Amino acid sequence: MNADDLKALQAPIKDRYKQDAGAAKLTLKASGDVSGDGLVCRVDTAKAIIDAGLHPLTGGDGMQACSGDMLLQALVACAGVTLKAVATALSLPLRGGQVLAEGDLDFRGTLGVAKDAPVGFSAIRLKFEIDADITEEQRATLLKLTERYCVVFQTLNRPPPMTVELKTLAKA
């Protein structure tokens, strides 16, 4: 796909959203099932069902996906697609590359071992290693726009308000 193809693909979508801002709004949903045996949550994705479980450093056996890994994978996926879209829109010759994310965890927090240890990532690093003949100015623009338009990056960087609710289901 080139810049003209991308523009042609997105132009009617952008026009629609300019005319009707409500059409651009969507609530994405995810669900998981905790009915089975063991400390597993079965997450239904668009492509597969993924069993998520405890990380080995919290008592898991390593046979299930770790939700922390899944969070970093979501960041990599979003940042990679965004990078490619931005490079395409700017007609930058991106031949390939890698998107890498790593995050620091102190499992004492989630296990309640140390009250001063955070629960969750204390730092996340996102790195791009690309094969492209571009100037420093183009590189800076590519990075700036990728950060600006990557949904997962922006969500992690500026967390939205969250709510949590717990309902119990009555037995018949």
N, C-alpha and C. Protein backbone atom coordinates (compact mmCIF):
# COMPACT_ATOMS: atom_id res chain seq x y z
N MET A 1 0.84 -1.17 0.00
CA MET A 1 0.00 0.00 0.00
C MET A 1 0.89 1.24 0.00
N ASN A 2 0.51 2.23 -0.77
CA ASN A 2 1.25 3.49 -0.78
C ASN A 2 0.39 4.60 -0.17
N ALA A 3 0.95 5.81 -0.10
CA ALA A 3 0.25 6.93 0.53
C ALA A 3 -1.08 7.24 -0.15
N ASP A 4 -1.11 7.17 -1.48
CA ASP A 4 -2.35 7.44 -2.21
C ASP A 4 -3.41 6.39 -1.91
N ASP A 5 -3.00 5.12 -1.85
CA ASP A 5 -3.94 4.04 -1.52
C ASP A 5 -4.52 4.23 -0.12
N LEU A 6 -3.65 4.58 0.84
CA LEU A 6 -4.09 4.79 2.21
C LEU A 6 -5.05 5.98 2.28
N LYS A 7 -4.70 7.05 1.61
CA LYS A 7 -5.57 8.23 1.60
C LYS A 7 -6.93 7.89 0.99
N ALA A 8 -6.93 7.15 -0.12
CA ALA A 8 -8.19 6.76 -0.76
C ALA A 8 -9.01 5.85 0.15
N LEU A 9 -8.35 4.98 0.86
CA LEU A 9 -9.03 4.07 1.78
C LEU A 9 -9.68 4.83 2.93
N GLN A 10 -8.94 5.79 3.49
CA GLN A 10 -9.40 6.47 4.68
C GLN A 10 -10.22 7.73 4.41
N ALA A 11 -10.15 8.30 3.23
CA ALA A 11 -10.84 9.56 2.94
C ALA A 11 -12.35 9.49 3.21
N PRO A 12 -13.05 8.47 2.71
CA PRO A 12 -14.49 8.44 2.99
C PRO A 12 -14.80 8.23 4.48
N ILE A 13 -13.93 7.52 5.15
CA ILE A 13 -14.12 7.30 6.59
C ILE A 13 -13.94 8.63 7.33
N LYS A 14 -12.88 9.35 7.00
CA LYS A 14 -12.63 10.64 7.64
C LYS A 14 -13.74 11.63 7.33
N ASP A 15 -14.21 11.65 6.09
CA ASP A 15 -15.31 12.54 5.72
C ASP A 15 -16.56 12.23 6.54
N ARG A 16 -16.86 10.96 6.69
CA ARG A 16 -18.03 10.56 7.47
C ARG A 16 -17.91 11.05 8.91
N TYR A 17 -16.71 10.89 9.50
CA TYR A 17 -16.51 11.29 10.89
C TYR A 17 -16.55 12.81 11.04
N LYS A 18 -16.15 13.55 10.00
CA LYS A 18 -16.24 15.02 10.05
C LYS A 18 -17.70 15.45 10.04
N GLN A 19 -18.53 14.72 9.30
CA GLN A 19 -19.96 15.03 9.21
C GLN A 19 -20.74 14.53 10.43
N ASP A 20 -20.30 13.40 10.97
CA ASP A 20 -21.02 12.77 12.07
C ASP A 20 -20.01 12.24 13.09
N ALA A 21 -19.66 13.06 14.06
CA ALA A 21 -18.67 12.68 15.06
C ALA A 21 -19.07 11.42 15.82
N GLY A 22 -20.36 11.22 15.99
CA GLY A 22 -20.85 10.04 16.70
C GLY A 22 -20.51 8.74 16.00
N ALA A 23 -20.40 8.80 14.67
CA ALA A 23 -20.08 7.59 13.90
C ALA A 23 -18.67 7.08 14.20
N ALA A 24 -17.81 7.93 14.73
CA ALA A 24 -16.43 7.55 15.02
C ALA A 24 -16.29 6.89 16.38
N LYS A 25 -17.35 6.87 17.15
CA LYS A 25 -17.25 6.37 18.52
C LYS A 25 -17.73 4.94 18.61
N LEU A 26 -16.97 4.15 19.32
CA LEU A 26 -17.23 2.73 19.46
C LEU A 26 -16.78 2.28 20.83
N THR A 27 -17.52 1.38 21.42
CA THR A 27 -17.09 0.76 22.67
C THR A 27 -16.58 -0.63 22.33
N LEU A 28 -15.27 -0.82 22.46
CA LEU A 28 -14.69 -2.15 22.27
C LEU A 28 -14.95 -2.96 23.52
N LYS A 29 -15.05 -4.26 23.36
CA LYS A 29 -15.34 -5.13 24.49
C LYS A 29 -14.42 -6.35 24.48
N ALA A 30 -14.17 -6.85 25.65
CA ALA A 30 -13.42 -8.09 25.81
C ALA A 30 -14.10 -8.88 26.92
N SER A 31 -13.98 -10.19 26.87
CA SER A 31 -14.57 -11.00 27.93
C SER A 31 -13.67 -12.18 28.24
N GLY A 32 -13.82 -12.65 29.44
CA GLY A 32 -13.06 -13.81 29.88
C GLY A 32 -13.95 -14.70 30.73
N ASP A 33 -13.65 -15.98 30.75
CA ASP A 33 -14.43 -16.95 31.51
C ASP A 33 -13.54 -17.55 32.59
N VAL A 34 -13.99 -17.44 33.83
CA VAL A 34 -13.23 -17.98 34.96
C VAL A 34 -13.90 -19.22 35.54
N SER A 35 -14.73 -19.90 34.75
CA SER A 35 -15.50 -21.05 35.23
C SER A 35 -14.69 -22.33 35.41
N GLY A 36 -13.63 -22.49 34.67
CA GLY A 36 -12.90 -23.76 34.68
C GLY A 36 -12.05 -23.97 35.91
N ASP A 37 -11.37 -25.10 35.92
CA ASP A 37 -10.47 -25.43 37.03
C ASP A 37 -9.18 -24.62 36.93
N GLY A 38 -8.53 -24.49 38.05
CA GLY A 38 -7.24 -23.82 38.08
C GLY A 38 -7.37 -22.31 38.05
N LEU A 39 -6.25 -21.65 38.19
CA LEU A 39 -6.21 -20.19 38.19
C LEU A 39 -6.02 -19.70 36.76
N VAL A 40 -7.09 -19.84 35.97
CA VAL A 40 -7.05 -19.52 34.55
C VAL A 40 -8.27 -18.68 34.18
N CYS A 41 -8.04 -17.71 33.31
CA CYS A 41 -9.13 -16.94 32.71
C CYS A 41 -9.04 -17.16 31.21
N ARG A 42 -10.10 -17.71 30.62
CA ARG A 42 -10.15 -17.96 29.18
C ARG A 42 -10.63 -16.69 28.49
N VAL A 43 -9.75 -16.10 27.70
CA VAL A 43 -10.04 -14.84 27.02
C VAL A 43 -10.34 -15.14 25.56
N ASP A 44 -11.51 -14.69 25.12
CA ASP A 44 -11.94 -14.91 23.74
C ASP A 44 -11.49 -13.72 22.90
N THR A 45 -10.52 -13.93 22.01
CA THR A 45 -10.06 -12.89 21.10
C THR A 45 -10.71 -13.09 19.75
N ALA A 46 -10.49 -12.18 18.84
CA ALA A 46 -11.08 -12.29 17.50
C ALA A 46 -10.52 -13.49 16.74
N LYS A 47 -9.34 -13.96 17.11
CA LYS A 47 -8.69 -15.03 16.36
C LYS A 47 -8.54 -16.35 17.10
N ALA A 48 -8.59 -16.30 18.43
CA ALA A 48 -8.38 -17.53 19.20
C ALA A 48 -8.84 -17.32 20.64
N ILE A 49 -8.95 -18.41 21.36
CA ILE A 49 -9.20 -18.34 22.79
C ILE A 49 -7.85 -18.51 23.47
N ILE A 50 -7.54 -17.60 24.37
CA ILE A 50 -6.26 -17.62 25.05
C ILE A 50 -6.49 -17.87 26.54
N ASP A 51 -5.81 -18.85 27.08
CA ASP A 51 -5.86 -19.10 28.51
C ASP A 51 -4.79 -18.24 29.18
N ALA A 52 -5.23 -17.35 30.06
CA ALA A 52 -4.31 -16.52 30.82
C ALA A 52 -4.22 -17.08 32.22
N GLY A 53 -3.02 -17.07 32.75
CA GLY A 53 -2.81 -17.60 34.09
C GLY A 53 -1.72 -16.84 34.81
N LEU A 54 -1.37 -17.35 35.96
CA LEU A 54 -0.33 -16.71 36.76
C LEU A 54 1.04 -16.83 36.09
N HIS A 55 1.83 -15.77 36.20
CA HIS A 55 3.22 -15.81 35.75
C HIS A 55 3.98 -16.75 36.69
N PRO A 56 5.00 -17.45 36.19
CA PRO A 56 5.76 -18.35 37.06
C PRO A 56 6.32 -17.68 38.32
N LEU A 57 6.63 -16.38 38.26
CA LEU A 57 7.15 -15.72 39.44
C LEU A 57 6.07 -15.41 40.48
N THR A 58 4.80 -15.76 40.16
CA THR A 58 3.72 -15.63 41.15
C THR A 58 3.07 -16.97 41.44
N GLY A 59 3.68 -18.05 40.96
CA GLY A 59 3.16 -19.39 41.26
C GLY A 59 2.61 -20.14 40.06
N GLY A 60 2.58 -19.51 38.90
CA GLY A 60 2.09 -20.19 37.71
C GLY A 60 3.09 -21.20 37.17
N ASP A 61 2.60 -22.06 36.29
CA ASP A 61 3.48 -23.08 35.71
C ASP A 61 4.02 -22.67 34.34
N GLY A 62 3.64 -21.49 33.87
CA GLY A 62 4.14 -21.02 32.58
C GLY A 62 3.41 -21.58 31.38
N MET A 63 2.36 -22.36 31.61
CA MET A 63 1.63 -22.98 30.50
C MET A 63 0.57 -22.04 29.91
N GLN A 64 0.21 -21.01 30.65
CA GLN A 64 -0.78 -20.06 30.15
C GLN A 64 -0.10 -18.73 29.83
N ALA A 65 -0.81 -17.92 29.07
CA ALA A 65 -0.31 -16.59 28.76
C ALA A 65 -0.31 -15.74 30.02
N CYS A 66 0.64 -14.84 30.10
CA CYS A 66 0.72 -13.90 31.21
C CYS A 66 0.07 -12.60 30.74
N SER A 67 -0.82 -12.05 31.55
CA SER A 67 -1.52 -10.83 31.15
C SER A 67 -0.56 -9.65 30.99
N GLY A 68 0.52 -9.63 31.74
CA GLY A 68 1.54 -8.59 31.56
C GLY A 68 2.18 -8.68 30.19
N ASP A 69 2.49 -9.90 29.77
CA ASP A 69 3.02 -10.10 28.41
C ASP A 69 1.99 -9.67 27.38
N MET A 70 0.72 -10.00 27.63
CA MET A 70 -0.34 -9.64 26.68
C MET A 70 -0.48 -8.13 26.56
N LEU A 71 -0.30 -7.41 27.66
CA LEU A 71 -0.35 -5.96 27.62
C LEU A 71 0.77 -5.41 26.74
N LEU A 72 1.98 -5.93 26.93
CA LEU A 72 3.11 -5.48 26.10
C LEU A 72 2.90 -5.88 24.64
N GLN A 73 2.33 -7.05 24.40
CA GLN A 73 2.05 -7.48 23.04
C GLN A 73 1.03 -6.57 22.36
N ALA A 74 0.02 -6.14 23.12
CA ALA A 74 -0.96 -5.20 22.57
C ALA A 74 -0.29 -3.88 22.21
N LEU A 75 0.64 -3.42 23.04
CA LEU A 75 1.39 -2.20 22.75
C LEU A 75 2.22 -2.37 21.48
N VAL A 76 2.92 -3.48 21.37
CA VAL A 76 3.73 -3.75 20.18
C VAL A 76 2.86 -3.80 18.92
N ALA A 77 1.74 -4.49 19.01
CA ALA A 77 0.85 -4.61 17.85
C ALA A 77 0.35 -3.24 17.41
N CYS A 78 -0.16 -2.46 18.33
CA CYS A 78 -0.71 -1.15 18.00
C CYS A 78 0.38 -0.21 17.49
N ALA A 79 1.51 -0.19 18.16
CA ALA A 79 2.60 0.69 17.75
C ALA A 79 3.15 0.29 16.38
N GLY A 80 3.22 -1.01 16.13
CA GLY A 80 3.73 -1.46 14.83
C GLY A 80 2.81 -1.10 13.69
N VAL A 81 1.51 -1.31 13.87
CA VAL A 81 0.54 -0.95 12.83
C VAL A 81 0.52 0.56 12.62
N THR A 82 0.58 1.30 13.72
CA THR A 82 0.57 2.76 13.62
C THR A 82 1.83 3.26 12.91
N LEU A 83 2.99 2.71 13.26
CA LEU A 83 4.24 3.08 12.61
C LEU A 83 4.14 2.85 11.10
N LYS A 84 3.63 1.70 10.71
CA LYS A 84 3.51 1.40 9.28
C LYS A 84 2.53 2.34 8.58
N ALA A 85 1.42 2.65 9.24
CA ALA A 85 0.44 3.57 8.65
C ALA A 85 1.02 4.97 8.50
N VAL A 86 1.73 5.43 9.52
CA VAL A 86 2.34 6.76 9.45
C VAL A 86 3.42 6.80 8.37
N ALA A 87 4.27 5.78 8.33
CA ALA A 87 5.31 5.72 7.30
C ALA A 87 4.69 5.72 5.90
N THR A 88 3.60 4.98 5.75
CA THR A 88 2.91 4.93 4.46
C THR A 88 2.33 6.30 4.11
N ALA A 89 1.66 6.93 5.07
CA ALA A 89 1.05 8.24 4.83
C ALA A 89 2.10 9.29 4.47
N LEU A 90 3.29 9.17 5.03
CA LEU A 90 4.37 10.13 4.76
C LEU A 90 5.24 9.70 3.57
N SER A 91 4.89 8.60 2.94
CA SER A 91 5.68 8.04 1.81
C SER A 91 7.13 7.78 2.20
N LEU A 92 7.32 7.29 3.42
CA LEU A 92 8.67 6.93 3.87
C LEU A 92 8.94 5.48 3.49
N PRO A 93 10.10 5.21 2.93
CA PRO A 93 10.42 3.86 2.46
C PRO A 93 10.81 2.91 3.60
N LEU A 94 9.82 2.36 4.27
CA LEU A 94 10.05 1.42 5.36
C LEU A 94 10.15 0.02 4.79
N ARG A 95 11.34 -0.56 4.85
CA ARG A 95 11.53 -1.91 4.30
C ARG A 95 11.21 -3.00 5.31
N GLY A 96 11.29 -2.68 6.56
CA GLY A 96 11.03 -3.68 7.59
C GLY A 96 11.51 -3.19 8.93
N GLY A 97 11.50 -4.09 9.89
CA GLY A 97 11.99 -3.73 11.20
C GLY A 97 11.30 -4.51 12.31
N GLN A 98 11.59 -4.10 13.51
CA GLN A 98 11.06 -4.75 14.70
C GLN A 98 10.50 -3.70 15.65
N VAL A 99 9.48 -4.09 16.39
CA VAL A 99 8.93 -3.27 17.46
C VAL A 99 9.13 -4.08 18.73
N LEU A 100 9.73 -3.47 19.71
CA LEU A 100 10.07 -4.17 20.95
C LEU A 100 9.51 -3.40 22.14
N ALA A 101 8.94 -4.12 23.08
CA ALA A 101 8.46 -3.50 24.32
C ALA A 101 8.95 -4.35 25.48
N GLU A 102 9.34 -3.68 26.53
CA GLU A 102 9.71 -4.38 27.75
C GLU A 102 9.23 -3.55 28.93
N GLY A 103 8.85 -4.26 29.97
CA GLY A 103 8.34 -3.58 31.15
C GLY A 103 8.90 -4.18 32.42
N ASP A 104 9.09 -3.34 33.40
CA ASP A 104 9.67 -3.76 34.68
C ASP A 104 8.56 -4.02 35.69
N LEU A 105 8.60 -5.18 36.31
CA LEU A 105 7.64 -5.58 37.34
C LEU A 105 8.38 -5.99 38.60
N ASP A 106 7.79 -5.71 39.73
CA ASP A 106 8.26 -6.22 41.02
C ASP A 106 7.10 -7.04 41.57
N PHE A 107 7.21 -8.34 41.48
CA PHE A 107 6.09 -9.21 41.84
C PHE A 107 5.77 -9.19 43.34
N ARG A 108 6.63 -8.57 44.15
CA ARG A 108 6.29 -8.44 45.57
C ARG A 108 5.01 -7.63 45.74
N GLY A 109 4.76 -6.69 44.82
CA GLY A 109 3.56 -5.86 44.91
C GLY A 109 2.29 -6.66 44.74
N THR A 110 2.20 -7.43 43.65
CA THR A 110 0.98 -8.18 43.38
C THR A 110 0.79 -9.35 44.34
N LEU A 111 1.87 -9.81 44.94
CA LEU A 111 1.75 -10.89 45.93
C LEU A 111 1.55 -10.35 47.35
N GLY A 112 1.55 -9.03 47.51
CA GLY A 112 1.33 -8.44 48.83
C GLY A 112 2.48 -8.67 49.80
N VAL A 113 3.67 -8.88 49.28
CA VAL A 113 4.83 -9.15 50.12
C VAL A 113 5.43 -7.86 50.67
N ALA A 114 5.39 -6.79 49.87
CA ALA A 114 5.97 -5.51 50.28
C ALA A 114 5.02 -4.39 49.89
N LYS A 115 4.53 -3.66 50.89
CA LYS A 115 3.56 -2.58 50.61
C LYS A 115 4.16 -1.47 49.76
N ASP A 116 5.48 -1.30 49.79
CA ASP A 116 6.10 -0.23 49.01
C ASP A 116 6.39 -0.66 47.57
N ALA A 117 6.19 -1.93 47.25
CA ALA A 117 6.41 -2.41 45.88
C ALA A 117 5.14 -2.15 45.06
N PRO A 118 5.27 -1.52 43.89
CA PRO A 118 4.07 -1.23 43.09
C PRO A 118 3.43 -2.50 42.55
N VAL A 119 2.12 -2.45 42.39
CA VAL A 119 1.40 -3.51 41.69
C VAL A 119 1.29 -3.02 40.25
N GLY A 120 1.87 -3.75 39.35
CA GLY A 120 1.89 -3.33 37.95
C GLY A 120 3.28 -2.90 37.51
N PHE A 121 3.34 -2.48 36.26
CA PHE A 121 4.61 -2.07 35.69
C PHE A 121 5.08 -0.76 36.32
N SER A 122 6.36 -0.71 36.66
CA SER A 122 6.95 0.53 37.16
C SER A 122 7.55 1.33 36.02
N ALA A 123 7.84 0.68 34.91
CA ALA A 123 8.36 1.36 33.71
C ALA A 123 8.11 0.46 32.50
N ILE A 124 7.82 1.10 31.38
CA ILE A 124 7.67 0.40 30.10
C ILE A 124 8.51 1.14 29.08
N ARG A 125 9.25 0.37 28.29
CA ARG A 125 10.08 0.94 27.23
C ARG A 125 9.63 0.37 25.89
N LEU A 126 9.40 1.25 24.94
CA LEU A 126 9.00 0.87 23.59
C LEU A 126 10.10 1.30 22.64
N LYS A 127 10.54 0.38 21.80
CA LYS A 127 11.65 0.68 20.90
C LYS A 127 11.32 0.17 19.50
N PHE A 128 11.71 0.96 18.51
CA PHE A 128 11.57 0.59 17.11
C PHE A 128 12.95 0.46 16.50
N GLU A 129 13.17 -0.61 15.79
CA GLU A 129 14.40 -0.80 15.01
C GLU A 129 13.95 -1.00 13.57
N ILE A 130 14.11 0.04 12.75
CA ILE A 130 13.56 -0.02 11.41
C ILE A 130 14.65 0.01 10.34
N ASP A 131 14.32 -0.59 9.22
CA ASP A 131 15.18 -0.59 8.05
C ASP A 131 14.58 0.42 7.06
N ALA A 132 15.15 1.62 7.04
CA ALA A 132 14.62 2.68 6.19
C ALA A 132 15.70 3.72 5.93
N ASP A 133 15.73 4.22 4.73
CA ASP A 133 16.64 5.31 4.39
C ASP A 133 15.87 6.62 4.56
N ILE A 134 15.93 7.16 5.78
CA ILE A 134 15.21 8.39 6.07
C ILE A 134 16.13 9.35 6.81
N THR A 135 15.81 10.63 6.73
CA THR A 135 16.60 11.66 7.39
C THR A 135 16.26 11.70 8.88
N GLU A 136 17.08 12.41 9.63
CA GLU A 136 16.81 12.58 11.06
C GLU A 136 15.47 13.29 11.27
N GLU A 137 15.16 14.26 10.43
CA GLU A 137 13.88 14.97 10.54
C GLU A 137 12.71 14.03 10.28
N GLN A 138 12.83 13.18 9.26
CA GLN A 138 11.77 12.20 8.97
C GLN A 138 11.64 11.20 10.10
N ARG A 139 12.76 10.78 10.66
CA ARG A 139 12.74 9.83 11.77
C ARG A 139 12.02 10.44 12.97
N ALA A 140 12.32 11.70 13.29
CA ALA A 140 11.68 12.37 14.41
C ALA A 140 10.17 12.51 14.17
N THR A 141 9.79 12.85 12.95
CA THR A 141 8.36 12.98 12.61
C THR A 141 7.66 11.64 12.70
N LEU A 142 8.29 10.60 12.19
CA LEU A 142 7.71 9.25 12.24
C LEU A 142 7.48 8.83 13.69
N LEU A 143 8.44 9.06 14.55
CA LEU A 143 8.30 8.68 15.95
C LEU A 143 7.22 9.52 16.64
N LYS A 144 7.24 10.83 16.42
CA LYS A 144 6.27 11.73 17.04
C LYS A 144 4.84 11.36 16.65
N LEU A 145 4.61 11.10 15.35
CA LEU A 145 3.26 10.78 14.89
C LEU A 145 2.83 9.38 15.32
N THR A 146 3.78 8.45 15.39
CA THR A 146 3.45 7.10 15.87
C THR A 146 3.00 7.17 17.32
N GLU A 147 3.73 7.92 18.13
CA GLU A 147 3.32 8.10 19.53
C GLU A 147 1.95 8.76 19.60
N ARG A 148 1.72 9.79 18.81
CA ARG A 148 0.48 10.56 18.86
C ARG A 148 -0.74 9.72 18.51
N TYR A 149 -0.60 8.83 17.51
CA TYR A 149 -1.76 8.12 16.99
C TYR A 149 -1.89 6.67 17.45
N CYS A 150 -0.96 6.18 18.25
CA CYS A 150 -1.04 4.80 18.76
C CYS A 150 -1.98 4.76 19.96
N VAL A 151 -3.11 4.10 19.80
CA VAL A 151 -4.16 4.05 20.82
C VAL A 151 -3.64 3.43 22.12
N VAL A 152 -2.94 2.32 22.05
CA VAL A 152 -2.48 1.65 23.27
C VAL A 152 -1.41 2.49 23.97
N PHE A 153 -0.49 3.06 23.20
CA PHE A 153 0.53 3.92 23.80
C PHE A 153 -0.12 5.09 24.54
N GLN A 154 -1.05 5.76 23.87
CA GLN A 154 -1.69 6.92 24.49
C GLN A 154 -2.51 6.51 25.72
N THR A 155 -3.15 5.36 25.67
CA THR A 155 -3.93 4.89 26.81
C THR A 155 -3.04 4.60 28.01
N LEU A 156 -1.89 3.99 27.77
CA LEU A 156 -0.96 3.71 28.86
C LEU A 156 -0.29 4.99 29.35
N ASN A 157 -0.02 5.89 28.44
CA ASN A 157 0.68 7.13 28.77
C ASN A 157 -0.21 8.11 29.52
N ARG A 158 -1.50 8.11 29.17
CA ARG A 158 -2.49 8.98 29.82
C ARG A 158 -3.72 8.14 30.16
N PRO A 159 -3.64 7.41 31.26
CA PRO A 159 -4.73 6.46 31.57
C PRO A 159 -6.09 7.16 31.71
N PRO A 160 -7.12 6.53 31.13
CA PRO A 160 -8.47 7.07 31.28
C PRO A 160 -9.04 6.69 32.64
N PRO A 161 -10.12 7.34 33.05
CA PRO A 161 -10.78 6.90 34.28
C PRO A 161 -11.27 5.47 34.11
N MET A 162 -11.18 4.71 35.16
CA MET A 162 -11.65 3.32 35.12
C MET A 162 -12.65 3.10 36.24
N THR A 163 -13.59 2.21 35.97
CA THR A 163 -14.53 1.80 37.00
C THR A 163 -14.47 0.28 37.09
N VAL A 164 -14.79 -0.24 38.24
CA VAL A 164 -14.83 -1.69 38.46
C VAL A 164 -16.13 -2.02 39.18
N GLU A 165 -16.73 -3.13 38.80
CA GLU A 165 -17.99 -3.54 39.40
C GLU A 165 -17.94 -5.05 39.60
N LEU A 166 -18.49 -5.51 40.68
CA LEU A 166 -18.57 -6.94 40.96
C LEU A 166 -20.02 -7.29 41.24
N LYS A 167 -20.58 -8.18 40.43
CA LYS A 167 -21.95 -8.65 40.64
C LYS A 167 -21.91 -10.12 41.00
N THR A 168 -22.82 -10.54 41.82
CA THR A 168 -22.94 -11.96 42.10
C THR A 168 -24.20 -12.46 41.37
N LEU A 169 -24.09 -13.65 40.84
CA LEU A 169 -25.21 -14.25 40.13
C LEU A 169 -25.97 -15.14 41.09
N ALA A 170 -27.25 -14.93 41.20
CA ALA A 170 -28.08 -15.72 42.11
C ALA A 170 -28.29 -17.11 41.54
N LYS A 171 -28.23 -18.11 42.40
CA LYS A 171 -28.51 -19.49 41.98
C LYS A 171 -30.01 -19.71 41.98
N ALA A 172 -30.46 -20.44 40.97
CA ALA A 172 -31.92 -20.72 40.87
C ALA A 172 -32.32 -21.84 41.78
